[in-house]
Amino acid sequence: MSKAIEKYVGKCVYREILDEEFNKIVVSFSFHNSQQNLEAYFINVEFEPLGMVGQGEGWIWWSTDIHETDLLVFIKNFIGCSLDEIKCLPDYEKYYYGYDEFDDKDGKQSSLFENKYLGGFLFLPQLPNGTVWRIAPEAYKETIL
């Protein structure tokens, strides 16, 4: 594992409002060491309702194992800059809590996001050949609460 990647493993490196239509849904990106392969990683993309960011709510997607070279290309394509140009975002930064007009109190966006866009599956960026998206296991969601 290169030192450039090592300092970002397990840290949020991207967090933004999804888009104009879903302005109450936040997308976050991180990557982690593979649980099966010491020379690989998996990508974690979370779609969370504004006001619940960093609390383990929402829709969590993991990639299957991805190797370092493909991961670096993915980051450049997804975020628009290389790994050495980004900074880690602590969970409490940016969009951690939304109040009043920022919350999706009636759940309209969350419901549309879940039903029409399959919990974010249709928003997931393309992965390199041989790598696929999967929904994070419920056990993972329970451990981060």
Protein backbone atom coordinates (compact mmCIF):
# COMPACT_ATOMS: atom_id res chain seq x y z
CA MET A 1 0.00 0.00 0.00
CA SER A 2 1.43 3.37 -0.93
CA LYS A 3 1.78 6.06 1.73
CA ALA A 4 -0.36 8.42 -0.38
CA ILE A 5 -3.33 6.06 -0.12
CA GLU A 6 -2.62 4.89 3.43
CA LYS A 7 -3.41 8.26 5.03
CA TYR A 8 -6.89 8.37 3.42
CA VAL A 9 -8.06 4.81 4.13
CA GLY A 10 -11.29 4.86 6.12
CA LYS A 11 -11.71 8.64 5.93
CA CYS A 12 -14.42 10.63 4.17
CA VAL A 13 -12.80 12.36 1.21
CA TYR A 14 -15.93 13.70 -0.53
CA ARG A 15 -19.28 14.95 0.73
CA GLU A 16 -21.75 17.08 -1.23
CA ILE A 17 -25.46 17.61 -1.87
CA LEU A 18 -26.42 15.03 -4.52
CA ASP A 19 -27.95 17.39 -7.10
CA GLU A 20 -30.65 20.03 -7.63
CA GLU A 21 -33.53 17.56 -7.61
CA PHE A 22 -32.24 15.82 -4.47
CA ASN A 23 -31.00 18.83 -2.53
CA LYS A 24 -31.85 17.14 0.77
CA ILE A 25 -29.75 14.03 0.05
CA VAL A 26 -26.00 14.09 0.68
CA VAL A 27 -23.53 11.76 -1.03
CA SER A 28 -20.31 10.83 0.81
CA PHE A 29 -17.34 8.82 -0.45
CA SER A 30 -14.61 6.88 1.34
CA PHE A 31 -12.56 3.76 0.72
CA HIS A 32 -11.32 1.05 3.05
CA ASN A 33 -8.91 -1.88 3.18
CA SER A 34 -10.37 -5.05 1.70
CA GLN A 35 -11.44 -7.63 4.22
CA GLN A 36 -10.32 -10.49 1.93
CA ASN A 37 -7.29 -9.18 0.02
CA LEU A 38 -4.42 -7.29 1.67
CA GLU A 39 -3.56 -5.60 -1.63
CA ALA A 40 -7.04 -4.31 -2.43
CA TYR A 41 -9.67 -1.85 -1.19
CA PHE A 42 -13.41 -1.41 -1.35
CA ILE A 43 -15.26 1.82 -2.08
CA ASN A 44 -18.00 3.07 0.25
CA VAL A 45 -20.63 5.48 -1.11
CA GLU A 46 -23.36 6.67 1.24
CA PHE A 47 -26.51 8.58 0.35
CA GLU A 48 -27.98 10.14 3.48
CA PRO A 49 -30.86 12.50 4.18
CA LEU A 50 -29.69 15.96 5.17
CA GLY A 51 -29.81 16.14 8.94
CA MET A 52 -28.71 12.52 9.33
CA VAL A 53 -25.27 12.68 7.72
CA GLY A 54 -22.66 10.68 9.59
CA GLN A 55 -25.27 8.84 11.66
CA GLY A 56 -25.42 5.61 9.64
CA GLU A 57 -28.85 6.34 8.18
CA GLY A 58 -29.61 6.25 4.50
CA TRP A 59 -28.36 4.03 1.70
CA ILE A 60 -24.86 2.57 1.86
CA TRP A 61 -23.16 0.93 -1.12
CA TRP A 62 -19.86 -0.94 -1.24
CA SER A 63 -17.85 -2.02 -4.23
CA THR A 64 -16.30 -5.42 -4.52
CA ASP A 65 -12.51 -5.39 -4.20
CA ILE A 66 -10.65 -2.83 -6.29
CA HIS A 67 -6.89 -2.58 -6.74
CA GLU A 68 -4.91 0.58 -6.00
CA THR A 69 -4.37 1.65 -9.62
CA ASP A 70 -8.08 1.33 -10.45
CA LEU A 71 -9.02 3.06 -7.19
CA LEU A 72 -6.86 6.09 -8.04
CA VAL A 73 -8.46 6.35 -11.50
CA PHE A 74 -11.92 6.00 -9.96
CA ILE A 75 -11.20 8.82 -7.48
CA LYS A 76 -9.98 11.12 -10.27
CA ASN A 77 -13.12 10.41 -12.33
CA PHE A 78 -15.61 10.58 -9.44
CA ILE A 79 -14.28 13.57 -7.50
CA GLY A 80 -12.53 15.34 -10.37
CA CYS A 81 -9.12 15.58 -8.75
CA SER A 82 -6.34 13.26 -7.68
CA LEU A 83 -6.00 11.87 -4.18
CA ASP A 84 -3.15 14.22 -3.26
CA GLU A 85 -5.36 17.25 -4.10
CA ILE A 86 -8.16 16.39 -1.66
CA LYS A 87 -8.51 16.66 2.09
CA CYS A 88 -10.29 14.37 4.52
CA LEU A 89 -13.60 15.55 5.89
CA PRO A 90 -14.42 14.73 9.49
CA ASP A 91 -17.96 13.43 10.01
CA TYR A 92 -18.96 16.59 11.84
CA GLU A 93 -18.00 18.85 8.94
CA LYS A 94 -20.33 20.05 6.19
CA TYR A 95 -23.95 18.92 6.19
CA TYR A 96 -23.72 17.12 9.50
CA TYR A 97 -26.97 18.57 10.76
CA GLY A 98 -29.64 20.32 8.77
CA TYR A 99 -32.27 22.35 10.51
CA ASP A 100 -35.74 23.57 9.62
CA GLU A 101 -36.01 24.21 5.89
CA PHE A 102 -33.03 21.98 5.17
CA ASP A 103 -34.49 18.74 6.52
CA ASP A 104 -36.62 16.39 4.43
CA LYS A 105 -39.18 16.31 7.24
CA ASP A 106 -42.02 14.87 5.19
CA GLY A 107 -39.72 12.29 3.60
CA LYS A 108 -40.72 13.10 0.01
CA GLN A 109 -37.19 13.15 -1.35
CA SER A 110 -36.19 10.07 0.62
CA SER A 111 -39.22 8.14 -0.63
CA LEU A 112 -38.61 9.15 -4.26
CA PHE A 113 -34.92 8.36 -3.90
CA GLU A 114 -35.68 4.92 -2.46
CA ASN A 115 -38.39 3.94 -4.94
CA LYS A 116 -37.55 5.60 -8.26
CA TYR A 117 -33.76 5.63 -7.97
CA LEU A 118 -33.36 2.32 -6.11
CA GLY A 119 -31.72 3.82 -3.03
CA GLY A 120 -29.08 5.56 -5.11
CA PHE A 121 -28.12 2.65 -7.34
CA LEU A 122 -28.89 4.73 -10.44
CA PHE A 123 -26.56 7.49 -9.17
CA LEU A 124 -23.59 5.24 -8.46
CA PRO A 125 -20.59 5.96 -10.66
CA GLN A 126 -19.30 3.30 -13.01
CA LEU A 127 -16.66 1.01 -11.57
CA PRO A 128 -13.72 -0.55 -13.43
CA ASN A 129 -14.32 -3.87 -15.20
CA GLY A 130 -14.66 -6.76 -12.79
CA THR A 131 -15.80 -4.54 -9.90
CA VAL A 132 -19.49 -4.24 -8.98
CA TRP A 133 -21.67 -2.39 -6.47
CA ARG A 134 -23.45 -4.17 -3.63
CA ILE A 135 -25.59 -2.91 -0.80
CA ALA A 136 -23.75 -2.76 2.52
CA PRO A 137 -24.80 -5.55 4.86
CA GLU A 138 -27.24 -4.64 7.59
CA ALA A 139 -24.66 -5.79 10.15
CA TYR A 140 -22.42 -2.92 9.02
CA LYS A 141 -25.18 -0.37 9.50
CA GLU A 142 -25.87 -1.68 12.99
CA THR A 143 -22.21 -1.41 14.06
CA ILE A 144 -21.81 2.25 13.09
CA LEU A 145 -24.79 3.47 15.09
